[in-house]
Amino acid sequence: ISDAAMSDIRSEKAKARDEYRHPQQTLRFFGLKPDMTVVEVSP
């Protein structure tokens, strides 16, 4: 999750929103794991 959040696949503009959206903490709270099938609705 940390590597994905810091990845170059993300723009600096996107990363700037992490301050408010806390993606790493949010995804850990939900229990995301690398071997899951994940459906994102309205991405």
ModelCIF file with pLDDT and N, C-alpha, C, O atoms, coordinates in Angstrom:
data_MODEL
#
_entry.id   MODEL 
#
_entity.id                         1 
_entity.type                       polymer 
_entity.pdbx_number_of_molecules   1 
#
_entity_poly.entity_id                      1 
_entity_poly.type                           'polypeptide(L)' 
_entity_poly.nstd_linkage                   no 
_entity_poly.nstd_monomer                   no 
_entity_poly.pdbx_seq_one_letter_code       ISDAAMSDIRSEKAKARDEYRHPQQTLRFFGLKPDMTVVEVSP 
_entity_poly.pdbx_seq_one_letter_code_can   ISDAAMSDIRSEKAKARDEYRHPQQTLRFFGLKPDMTVVEVSP 
_entity_poly.pdbx_strand_id                 A 
#
loop_
_entity_poly_seq.entity_id 
_entity_poly_seq.num 
_entity_poly_seq.mon_id 
_entity_poly_seq.hetero 
1 1  ILE n 
1 2  SER n 
1 3  ASP n 
1 4  ALA n 
1 5  ALA n 
1 6  MET n 
1 7  SER n 
1 8  ASP n 
1 9  ILE n 
1 10 ARG n 
1 11 SER n 
1 12 GLU n 
1 13 LYS n 
1 14 ALA n 
1 15 LYS n 
1 16 ALA n 
1 17 ARG n 
1 18 ASP n 
1 19 GLU n 
1 20 TYR n 
1 21 ARG n 
1 22 HIS n 
1 23 PRO n 
1 24 GLN n 
1 25 GLN n 
1 26 THR n 
1 27 LEU n 
1 28 ARG n 
1 29 PHE n 
1 30 PHE n 
1 31 GLY n 
1 32 LEU n 
1 33 LYS n 
1 34 PRO n 
1 35 ASP n 
1 36 MET n 
1 37 THR n 
1 38 VAL n 
1 39 VAL n 
1 40 GLU n 
1 41 VAL n 
1 42 SER n 
1 43 PRO n 
#
_struct_asym.id          A 
_struct_asym.entity_id   1 
#
loop_
_ma_qa_metric.id 
_ma_qa_metric.mode 
_ma_qa_metric.name 
_ma_qa_metric.software_group_id 
_ma_qa_metric.type 
1 global pLDDT . pLDDT 
2 local  pLDDT . pLDDT 
#
_ma_qa_metric_global.metric_id      1 
_ma_qa_metric_global.metric_value   97.05 
_ma_qa_metric_global.model_id       1 
_ma_qa_metric_global.ordinal_id     1 
#
loop_
_ma_qa_metric_local.label_asym_id 
_ma_qa_metric_local.label_comp_id 
_ma_qa_metric_local.label_seq_id 
_ma_qa_metric_local.metric_id 
_ma_qa_metric_local.metric_value 
_ma_qa_metric_local.model_id 
_ma_qa_metric_local.ordinal_id 
A ILE 1  2 97.00 1 1  
A SER 2  2 97.00 1 2  
A ASP 3  2 96.00 1 3  
A ALA 4  2 97.00 1 4  
A ALA 5  2 97.00 1 5  
A MET 6  2 96.00 1 6  
A SER 7  2 94.00 1 7  
A ASP 8  2 94.00 1 8  
A ILE 9  2 94.00 1 9  
A ARG 10 2 97.00 1 10 
A SER 11 2 96.00 1 11 
A GLU 12 2 96.00 1 12 
A LYS 13 2 96.00 1 13 
A ALA 14 2 97.00 1 14 
A LYS 15 2 97.00 1 15 
A ALA 16 2 96.00 1 16 
A ARG 17 2 97.00 1 17 
A ASP 18 2 97.00 1 18 
A GLU 19 2 96.00 1 19 
A TYR 20 2 97.00 1 20 
A ARG 21 2 98.00 1 21 
A HIS 22 2 98.00 1 22 
A PRO 23 2 98.00 1 23 
A GLN 24 2 98.00 1 24 
A GLN 25 2 98.00 1 25 
A THR 26 2 98.00 1 26 
A LEU 27 2 98.00 1 27 
A ARG 28 2 97.00 1 28 
A PHE 29 2 98.00 1 29 
A PHE 30 2 98.00 1 30 
A GLY 31 2 98.00 1 31 
A LEU 32 2 98.00 1 32 
A LYS 33 2 97.00 1 33 
A PRO 34 2 97.00 1 34 
A ASP 35 2 98.00 1 35 
A MET 36 2 98.00 1 36 
A THR 37 2 98.00 1 37 
A VAL 38 2 98.00 1 38 
A VAL 39 2 98.00 1 39 
A GLU 40 2 98.00 1 40 
A VAL 41 2 98.00 1 41 
A SER 42 2 97.00 1 42 
A PRO 43 2 97.00 1 43 
#
loop_
_atom_site.group_PDB 
_atom_site.id 
_atom_site.type_symbol 
_atom_site.label_atom_id 
_atom_site.label_alt_id 
_atom_site.label_comp_id 
_atom_site.label_asym_id 
_atom_site.label_entity_id 
_atom_site.label_seq_id 
_atom_site.pdbx_PDB_ins_code 
_atom_site.Cartn_x 
_atom_site.Cartn_y 
_atom_site.Cartn_z 
_atom_site.occupancy 
_atom_site.B_iso_or_equiv 
_atom_site.pdbx_formal_charge 
_atom_site.auth_seq_id 
_atom_site.auth_comp_id 
_atom_site.auth_asym_id 
_atom_site.auth_atom_id 
_atom_site.pdbx_PDB_model_num 
ATOM 1   N N  . ILE A 1 1  ? 0.839   -1.202  0.000   1.00 97.00 ? 1  ILE A N  1 
ATOM 2   C CA . ILE A 1 1  ? 0.000   0.000   0.000   1.00 97.00 ? 1  ILE A CA 1 
ATOM 3   C C  . ILE A 1 1  ? 0.875   1.255   0.000   1.00 97.00 ? 1  ILE A C  1 
ATOM 4   O O  . ILE A 1 1  ? 0.603   2.206   -0.733  1.00 97.00 ? 1  ILE A O  1 
ATOM 5   N N  . SER A 1 2  ? 1.917   1.253   0.817   1.00 97.00 ? 2  SER A N  1 
ATOM 6   C CA . SER A 1 2  ? 2.824   2.411   0.861   1.00 97.00 ? 2  SER A CA 1 
ATOM 7   C C  . SER A 1 2  ? 3.505   2.628   -0.487  1.00 97.00 ? 2  SER A C  1 
ATOM 8   O O  . SER A 1 2  ? 3.592   3.752   -0.981  1.00 97.00 ? 2  SER A O  1 
ATOM 9   N N  . ASP A 1 3  ? 3.984   1.535   -1.070  1.00 96.00 ? 3  ASP A N  1 
ATOM 10  C CA . ASP A 1 3  ? 4.659   1.632   -2.363  1.00 96.00 ? 3  ASP A CA 1 
ATOM 11  C C  . ASP A 1 3  ? 3.712   2.153   -3.433  1.00 96.00 ? 3  ASP A C  1 
ATOM 12  O O  . ASP A 1 3  ? 4.099   2.962   -4.276  1.00 96.00 ? 3  ASP A O  1 
ATOM 13  N N  . ALA A 1 4  ? 2.472   1.685   -3.395  1.00 97.00 ? 4  ALA A N  1 
ATOM 14  C CA . ALA A 1 4  ? 1.489   2.120   -4.387  1.00 97.00 ? 4  ALA A CA 1 
ATOM 15  C C  . ALA A 1 4  ? 1.178   3.606   -4.227  1.00 97.00 ? 4  ALA A C  1 
ATOM 16  O O  . ALA A 1 4  ? 1.046   4.329   -5.216  1.00 97.00 ? 4  ALA A O  1 
ATOM 17  N N  . ALA A 1 5  ? 1.062   4.054   -2.990  1.00 97.00 ? 5  ALA A N  1 
ATOM 18  C CA . ALA A 1 5  ? 0.744   5.457   -2.732  1.00 97.00 ? 5  ALA A CA 1 
ATOM 19  C C  . ALA A 1 5  ? 1.881   6.385   -3.171  1.00 97.00 ? 5  ALA A C  1 
ATOM 20  O O  . ALA A 1 5  ? 1.642   7.527   -3.564  1.00 97.00 ? 5  ALA A O  1 
ATOM 21  N N  . MET A 1 6  ? 3.115   5.883   -3.100  1.00 96.00 ? 6  MET A N  1 
ATOM 22  C CA . MET A 1 6  ? 4.275   6.697   -3.471  1.00 96.00 ? 6  MET A CA 1 
ATOM 23  C C  . MET A 1 6  ? 4.725   6.476   -4.914  1.00 96.00 ? 6  MET A C  1 
ATOM 24  O O  . MET A 1 6  ? 5.681   7.102   -5.372  1.00 96.00 ? 6  MET A O  1 
ATOM 25  N N  . SER A 1 7  ? 4.041   5.594   -5.623  1.00 94.00 ? 7  SER A N  1 
ATOM 26  C CA . SER A 1 7  ? 4.448   5.208   -6.970  1.00 94.00 ? 7  SER A CA 1 
ATOM 27  C C  . SER A 1 7  ? 4.420   6.370   -7.962  1.00 94.00 ? 7  SER A C  1 
ATOM 28  O O  . SER A 1 7  ? 3.649   7.319   -7.822  1.00 94.00 ? 7  SER A O  1 
ATOM 29  N N  . ASP A 1 8  ? 5.282   6.261   -8.962  1.00 94.00 ? 8  ASP A N  1 
ATOM 30  C CA . ASP A 1 8  ? 5.334   7.269   -10.028 1.00 94.00 ? 8  ASP A CA 1 
ATOM 31  C C  . ASP A 1 8  ? 4.099   7.222   -10.921 1.00 94.00 ? 8  ASP A C  1 
ATOM 32  O O  . ASP A 1 8  ? 3.883   8.124   -11.730 1.00 94.00 ? 8  ASP A O  1 
ATOM 33  N N  . ILE A 1 9  ? 3.296   6.183   -10.779 1.00 94.00 ? 9  ILE A N  1 
ATOM 34  C CA . ILE A 1 9  ? 2.058   6.093   -11.553 1.00 94.00 ? 9  ILE A CA 1 
ATOM 35  C C  . ILE A 1 9  ? 1.107   7.232   -11.169 1.00 94.00 ? 9  ILE A C  1 
ATOM 36  O O  . ILE A 1 9  ? 0.217   7.606   -11.933 1.00 94.00 ? 9  ILE A O  1 
ATOM 37  N N  . ARG A 1 10 ? 1.321   7.772   -9.962  1.00 97.00 ? 10 ARG A N  1 
ATOM 38  C CA . ARG A 1 10 ? 0.473   8.866   -9.470  1.00 97.00 ? 10 ARG A CA 1 
ATOM 39  C C  . ARG A 1 10 ? 1.129   10.218  -9.758  1.00 97.00 ? 10 ARG A C  1 
ATOM 40  O O  . ARG A 1 10 ? 2.346   10.365  -9.645  1.00 97.00 ? 10 ARG A O  1 
ATOM 41  N N  . SER A 1 11 ? 0.319   11.185  -10.126 1.00 96.00 ? 11 SER A N  1 
ATOM 42  C CA . SER A 1 11 ? 0.826   12.533  -10.385 1.00 96.00 ? 11 SER A CA 1 
ATOM 43  C C  . SER A 1 11 ? 1.082   13.242  -9.054  1.00 96.00 ? 11 SER A C  1 
ATOM 44  O O  . SER A 1 11 ? 0.544   12.853  -8.017  1.00 96.00 ? 11 SER A O  1 
ATOM 45  N N  . GLU A 1 12 ? 1.898   14.270  -9.100  1.00 96.00 ? 12 GLU A N  1 
ATOM 46  C CA . GLU A 1 12 ? 2.151   15.056  -7.889  1.00 96.00 ? 12 GLU A CA 1 
ATOM 47  C C  . GLU A 1 12 ? 0.872   15.753  -7.434  1.00 96.00 ? 12 GLU A C  1 
ATOM 48  O O  . GLU A 1 12 ? 0.654   15.945  -6.238  1.00 96.00 ? 12 GLU A O  1 
ATOM 49  N N  . LYS A 1 13 ? 0.040   16.124  -8.384  1.00 96.00 ? 13 LYS A N  1 
ATOM 50  C CA . LYS A 1 13 ? -1.243  16.759  -8.047  1.00 96.00 ? 13 LYS A CA 1 
ATOM 51  C C  . LYS A 1 13 ? -2.124  15.785  -7.264  1.00 96.00 ? 13 LYS A C  1 
ATOM 52  O O  . LYS A 1 13 ? -2.782  16.172  -6.298  1.00 96.00 ? 13 LYS A O  1 
ATOM 53  N N  . ALA A 1 14 ? -2.132  14.526  -7.685  1.00 97.00 ? 14 ALA A N  1 
ATOM 54  C CA . ALA A 1 14 ? -2.911  13.512  -6.974  1.00 97.00 ? 14 ALA A CA 1 
ATOM 55  C C  . ALA A 1 14 ? -2.354  13.289  -5.573  1.00 97.00 ? 14 ALA A C  1 
ATOM 56  O O  . ALA A 1 14 ? -3.110  13.213  -4.605  1.00 97.00 ? 14 ALA A O  1 
ATOM 57  N N  . LYS A 1 15 ? -1.048  13.186  -5.470  1.00 97.00 ? 15 LYS A N  1 
ATOM 58  C CA . LYS A 1 15 ? -0.419  12.943  -4.167  1.00 97.00 ? 15 LYS A CA 1 
ATOM 59  C C  . LYS A 1 15 ? -0.668  14.089  -3.192  1.00 97.00 ? 15 LYS A C  1 
ATOM 60  O O  . LYS A 1 15 ? -0.703  13.877  -1.980  1.00 97.00 ? 15 LYS A O  1 
ATOM 61  N N  . ALA A 1 16 ? -0.840  15.295  -3.713  1.00 96.00 ? 16 ALA A N  1 
ATOM 62  C CA . ALA A 1 16 ? -1.084  16.456  -2.859  1.00 96.00 ? 16 ALA A CA 1 
ATOM 63  C C  . ALA A 1 16 ? -2.398  16.333  -2.094  1.00 96.00 ? 16 ALA A C  1 
ATOM 64  O O  . ALA A 1 16 ? -2.570  16.971  -1.056  1.00 96.00 ? 16 ALA A O  1 
ATOM 65  N N  . ARG A 1 17 ? -3.329  15.514  -2.599  1.00 97.00 ? 17 ARG A N  1 
ATOM 66  C CA . ARG A 1 17 ? -4.624  15.329  -1.940  1.00 97.00 ? 17 ARG A CA 1 
ATOM 67  C C  . ARG A 1 17 ? -4.550  14.313  -0.807  1.00 97.00 ? 17 ARG A C  1 
ATOM 68  O O  . ARG A 1 17 ? -5.500  14.182  -0.036  1.00 97.00 ? 17 ARG A O  1 
ATOM 69  N N  . ASP A 1 18 ? -3.420  13.583  -0.693  1.00 97.00 ? 18 ASP A N  1 
ATOM 70  C CA . ASP A 1 18 ? -3.282  12.571  0.359   1.00 97.00 ? 18 ASP A CA 1 
ATOM 71  C C  . ASP A 1 18 ? -3.443  13.176  1.749   1.00 97.00 ? 18 ASP A C  1 
ATOM 72  O O  . ASP A 1 18 ? -3.893  12.510  2.681   1.00 97.00 ? 18 ASP A O  1 
ATOM 73  N N  . GLU A 1 19 ? -3.072  14.438  1.873   1.00 96.00 ? 19 GLU A N  1 
ATOM 74  C CA . GLU A 1 19 ? -3.179  15.136  3.154   1.00 96.00 ? 19 GLU A CA 1 
ATOM 75  C C  . GLU A 1 19 ? -4.613  15.111  3.677   1.00 96.00 ? 19 GLU A C  1 
ATOM 76  O O  . GLU A 1 19 ? -4.841  15.073  4.886   1.00 96.00 ? 19 GLU A O  1 
ATOM 77  N N  . TYR A 1 20 ? -5.576  15.133  2.755   1.00 97.00 ? 20 TYR A N  1 
ATOM 78  C CA . TYR A 1 20 ? -6.980  15.182  3.130   1.00 97.00 ? 20 TYR A CA 1 
ATOM 79  C C  . TYR A 1 20 ? -7.683  13.829  2.997   1.00 97.00 ? 20 TYR A C  1 
ATOM 80  O O  . TYR A 1 20 ? -8.670  13.576  3.688   1.00 97.00 ? 20 TYR A O  1 
ATOM 81  N N  . ARG A 1 21 ? -7.183  12.961  2.118   1.00 98.00 ? 21 ARG A N  1 
ATOM 82  C CA . ARG A 1 21 ? -7.891  11.709  1.814   1.00 98.00 ? 21 ARG A CA 1 
ATOM 83  C C  . ARG A 1 21 ? -7.284  10.473  2.453   1.00 98.00 ? 21 ARG A C  1 
ATOM 84  O O  . ARG A 1 21 ? -7.913  9.415   2.471   1.00 98.00 ? 21 ARG A O  1 
ATOM 85  N N  . HIS A 1 22 ? -6.081  10.588  2.973   1.00 98.00 ? 22 HIS A N  1 
ATOM 86  C CA . HIS A 1 22 ? -5.451  9.521   3.758   1.00 98.00 ? 22 HIS A CA 1 
ATOM 87  C C  . HIS A 1 22 ? -5.614  8.131   3.136   1.00 98.00 ? 22 HIS A C  1 
ATOM 88  O O  . HIS A 1 22 ? -6.132  7.224   3.787   1.00 98.00 ? 22 HIS A O  1 
ATOM 89  N N  . PRO A 1 23 ? -5.186  7.957   1.906   1.00 98.00 ? 23 PRO A N  1 
ATOM 90  C CA . PRO A 1 23 ? -5.431  6.678   1.231   1.00 98.00 ? 23 PRO A CA 1 
ATOM 91  C C  . PRO A 1 23 ? -4.772  5.475   1.890   1.00 98.00 ? 23 PRO A C  1 
ATOM 92  O O  . PRO A 1 23 ? -5.364  4.397   1.939   1.00 98.00 ? 23 PRO A O  1 
ATOM 93  N N  . GLN A 1 24 ? -3.557  5.645   2.397   1.00 98.00 ? 24 GLN A N  1 
ATOM 94  C CA . GLN A 1 24 ? -2.883  4.503   3.023   1.00 98.00 ? 24 GLN A CA 1 
ATOM 95  C C  . GLN A 1 24 ? -3.640  4.034   4.267   1.00 98.00 ? 24 GLN A C  1 
ATOM 96  O O  . GLN A 1 24 ? -3.915  2.844   4.422   1.00 98.00 ? 24 GLN A O  1 
ATOM 97  N N  . GLN A 1 25 ? -3.969  4.963   5.138   1.00 98.00 ? 25 GLN A N  1 
ATOM 98  C CA . GLN A 1 25 ? -4.680  4.609   6.364   1.00 98.00 ? 25 GLN A CA 1 
ATOM 99  C C  . GLN A 1 25 ? -6.069  4.053   6.047   1.00 98.00 ? 25 GLN A C  1 
ATOM 100 O O  . GLN A 1 25 ? -6.535  3.114   6.693   1.00 98.00 ? 25 GLN A O  1 
ATOM 101 N N  . THR A 1 26 ? -6.717  4.637   5.055   1.00 98.00 ? 26 THR A N  1 
ATOM 102 C CA . THR A 1 26 ? -8.066  4.204   4.681   1.00 98.00 ? 26 THR A CA 1 
ATOM 103 C C  . THR A 1 26 ? -8.060  2.773   4.161   1.00 98.00 ? 26 THR A C  1 
ATOM 104 O O  . THR A 1 26 ? -8.892  1.960   4.564   1.00 98.00 ? 26 THR A O  1 
ATOM 105 N N  . LEU A 1 27 ? -7.129  2.466   3.274   1.00 98.00 ? 27 LEU A N  1 
ATOM 106 C CA . LEU A 1 27 ? -7.081  1.128   2.691   1.00 98.00 ? 27 LEU A CA 1 
ATOM 107 C C  . LEU A 1 27 ? -6.644  0.078   3.701   1.00 98.00 ? 27 LEU A C  1 
ATOM 108 O O  . LEU A 1 27 ? -7.091  -1.066  3.630   1.00 98.00 ? 27 LEU A O  1 
ATOM 109 N N  . ARG A 1 28 ? -5.782  0.446   4.638   1.00 97.00 ? 28 ARG A N  1 
ATOM 110 C CA . ARG A 1 28 ? -5.423  -0.497  5.691   1.00 97.00 ? 28 ARG A CA 1 
ATOM 111 C C  . ARG A 1 28 ? -6.618  -0.756  6.608   1.00 97.00 ? 28 ARG A C  1 
ATOM 112 O O  . ARG A 1 28 ? -6.830  -1.878  7.066   1.00 97.00 ? 28 ARG A O  1 
ATOM 113 N N  . PHE A 1 29 ? -7.384  0.285   6.865   1.00 98.00 ? 29 PHE A N  1 
ATOM 114 C CA . PHE A 1 29 ? -8.582  0.116   7.687   1.00 98.00 ? 29 PHE A CA 1 
ATOM 115 C C  . PHE A 1 29 ? -9.567  -0.850  7.022   1.00 98.00 ? 29 PHE A C  1 
ATOM 116 O O  . PHE A 1 29 ? -10.169 -1.687  7.694   1.00 98.00 ? 29 PHE A O  1 
ATOM 117 N N  . PHE A 1 30 ? -9.728  -0.732  5.719   1.00 98.00 ? 30 PHE A N  1 
ATOM 118 C CA . PHE A 1 30 ? -10.631 -1.635  5.011   1.00 98.00 ? 30 PHE A CA 1 
ATOM 119 C C  . PHE A 1 30 ? -10.073 -3.056  4.912   1.00 98.00 ? 30 PHE A C  1 
ATOM 120 O O  . PHE A 1 30 ? -10.825 -4.004  4.687   1.00 98.00 ? 30 PHE A O  1 
ATOM 121 N N  . GLY A 1 31 ? -8.764  -3.205  5.080   1.00 98.00 ? 31 GLY A N  1 
ATOM 122 C CA . GLY A 1 31 ? -8.156  -4.530  5.059   1.00 98.00 ? 31 GLY A CA 1 
ATOM 123 C C  . GLY A 1 31 ? -7.685  -4.973  3.689   1.00 98.00 ? 31 GLY A C  1 
ATOM 124 O O  . GLY A 1 31 ? -7.636  -6.172  3.413   1.00 98.00 ? 31 GLY A O  1 
ATOM 125 N N  . LEU A 1 32 ? -7.341  -4.038  2.831   1.00 98.00 ? 32 LEU A N  1 
ATOM 126 C CA . LEU A 1 32 ? -6.875  -4.378  1.480   1.00 98.00 ? 32 LEU A CA 1 
ATOM 127 C C  . LEU A 1 32 ? -5.608  -5.222  1.517   1.00 98.00 ? 32 LEU A C  1 
ATOM 128 O O  . LEU A 1 32 ? -4.666  -4.912  2.245   1.00 98.00 ? 32 LEU A O  1 
ATOM 129 N N  . LYS A 1 33 ? -5.594  -6.301  0.720   1.00 97.00 ? 33 LYS A N  1 
ATOM 130 C CA . LYS A 1 33 ? -4.421  -7.166  0.591   1.00 97.00 ? 33 LYS A CA 1 
ATOM 131 C C  . LYS A 1 33 ? -4.122  -7.397  -0.887  1.00 97.00 ? 33 LYS A C  1 
ATOM 132 O O  . LYS A 1 33 ? -5.028  -7.350  -1.719  1.00 97.00 ? 33 LYS A O  1 
ATOM 133 N N  . PRO A 1 34 ? -2.849  -7.647  -1.216  1.00 97.00 ? 34 PRO A N  1 
ATOM 134 C CA . PRO A 1 34 ? -2.444  -7.767  -2.617  1.00 97.00 ? 34 PRO A CA 1 
ATOM 135 C C  . PRO A 1 34 ? -3.116  -8.894  -3.405  1.00 97.00 ? 34 PRO A C  1 
ATOM 136 O O  . PRO A 1 34 ? -3.172  -8.831  -4.633  1.00 97.00 ? 34 PRO A O  1 
ATOM 137 N N  . ASP A 1 35 ? -3.623  -9.916  -2.726  1.00 98.00 ? 35 ASP A N  1 
ATOM 138 C CA . ASP A 1 35 ? -4.203  -11.045 -3.453  1.00 98.00 ? 35 ASP A CA 1 
ATOM 139 C C  . ASP A 1 35 ? -5.720  -10.949 -3.619  1.00 98.00 ? 35 ASP A C  1 
ATOM 140 O O  . ASP A 1 35 ? -6.367  -11.922 -4.005  1.00 98.00 ? 35 ASP A O  1 
ATOM 141 N N  . MET A 1 36 ? -6.275  -9.801  -3.333  1.00 98.00 ? 36 MET A N  1 
ATOM 142 C CA . MET A 1 36 ? -7.731  -9.641  -3.405  1.00 98.00 ? 36 MET A CA 1 
ATOM 143 C C  . MET A 1 36 ? -8.234  -9.276  -4.808  1.00 98.00 ? 36 MET A C  1 
ATOM 144 O O  . MET A 1 36 ? -7.513  -8.687  -5.613  1.00 98.00 ? 36 MET A O  1 
ATOM 145 N N  . THR A 1 37 ? -9.481  -9.642  -5.072  1.00 98.00 ? 37 THR A N  1 
ATOM 146 C CA . THR A 1 37 ? -10.221 -9.107  -6.221  1.00 98.00 ? 37 THR A CA 1 
ATOM 147 C C  . THR A 1 37 ? -11.008 -7.924  -5.692  1.00 98.00 ? 37 THR A C  1 
ATOM 148 O O  . THR A 1 37 ? -11.909 -8.077  -4.867  1.00 98.00 ? 37 THR A O  1 
ATOM 149 N N  . VAL A 1 38 ? -10.656 -6.740  -6.179  1.00 98.00 ? 38 VAL A N  1 
ATOM 150 C CA . VAL A 1 38 ? -11.234 -5.496  -5.677  1.00 98.00 ? 38 VAL A CA 1 
ATOM 151 C C  . VAL A 1 38 ? -12.027 -4.795  -6.773  1.00 98.00 ? 38 VAL A C  1 
ATOM 152 O O  . VAL A 1 38 ? -11.530 -4.574  -7.877  1.00 98.00 ? 38 VAL A O  1 
ATOM 153 N N  . VAL A 1 39 ? -13.260 -4.453  -6.449  1.00 98.00 ? 39 VAL A N  1 
ATOM 154 C CA . VAL A 1 39 ? -14.106 -3.692  -7.375  1.00 98.00 ? 39 VAL A CA 1 
ATOM 155 C C  . VAL A 1 39 ? -14.223 -2.271  -6.851  1.00 98.00 ? 39 VAL A C  1 
ATOM 156 O O  . VAL A 1 39 ? -14.687 -2.056  -5.731  1.00 98.00 ? 39 VAL A O  1 
ATOM 157 N N  . GLU A 1 40 ? -13.807 -1.302  -7.652  1.00 98.00 ? 40 GLU A N  1 
ATOM 158 C CA . GLU A 1 40 ? -14.011 0.099   -7.288  1.00 98.00 ? 40 GLU A CA 1 
ATOM 159 C C  . GLU A 1 40 ? -15.197 0.624   -8.081  1.00 98.00 ? 40 GLU A C  1 
ATOM 160 O O  . GLU A 1 40 ? -15.199 0.568   -9.310  1.00 98.00 ? 40 GLU A O  1 
ATOM 161 N N  . VAL A 1 41 ? -16.193 1.128   -7.389  1.00 98.00 ? 41 VAL A N  1 
ATOM 162 C CA . VAL A 1 41 ? -17.409 1.619   -8.023  1.00 98.00 ? 41 VAL A CA 1 
ATOM 163 C C  . VAL A 1 41 ? -17.272 3.110   -8.315  1.00 98.00 ? 41 VAL A C  1 
ATOM 164 O O  . VAL A 1 41 ? -16.951 3.903   -7.429  1.00 98.00 ? 41 VAL A O  1 
ATOM 165 N N  . SER A 1 42 ? -17.519 3.476   -9.565  1.00 97.00 ? 42 SER A N  1 
ATOM 166 C CA . SER A 1 42 ? -17.429 4.870   -10.016 1.00 97.00 ? 42 SER A CA 1 
ATOM 167 C C  . SER A 1 42 ? -16.052 5.466   -9.734  1.00 97.00 ? 42 SER A C  1 
ATOM 168 O O  . SER A 1 42 ? -15.934 6.394   -8.933  1.00 97.00 ? 42 SER A O  1 
ATOM 169 N N  . PRO A 1 43 ? -15.014 4.943   -10.381 1.00 97.00 ? 43 PRO A N  1 
ATOM 170 C CA . PRO A 1 43 ? -13.641 5.386   -10.108 1.00 97.00 ? 43 PRO A CA 1 
ATOM 171 C C  . PRO A 1 43 ? -13.273 6.741   -10.705 1.00 97.00 ? 43 PRO A C  1 
ATOM 172 O O  . PRO A 1 43 ? -12.145 7.204   -10.534 1.00 97.00 ? 43 PRO A O  1 
#
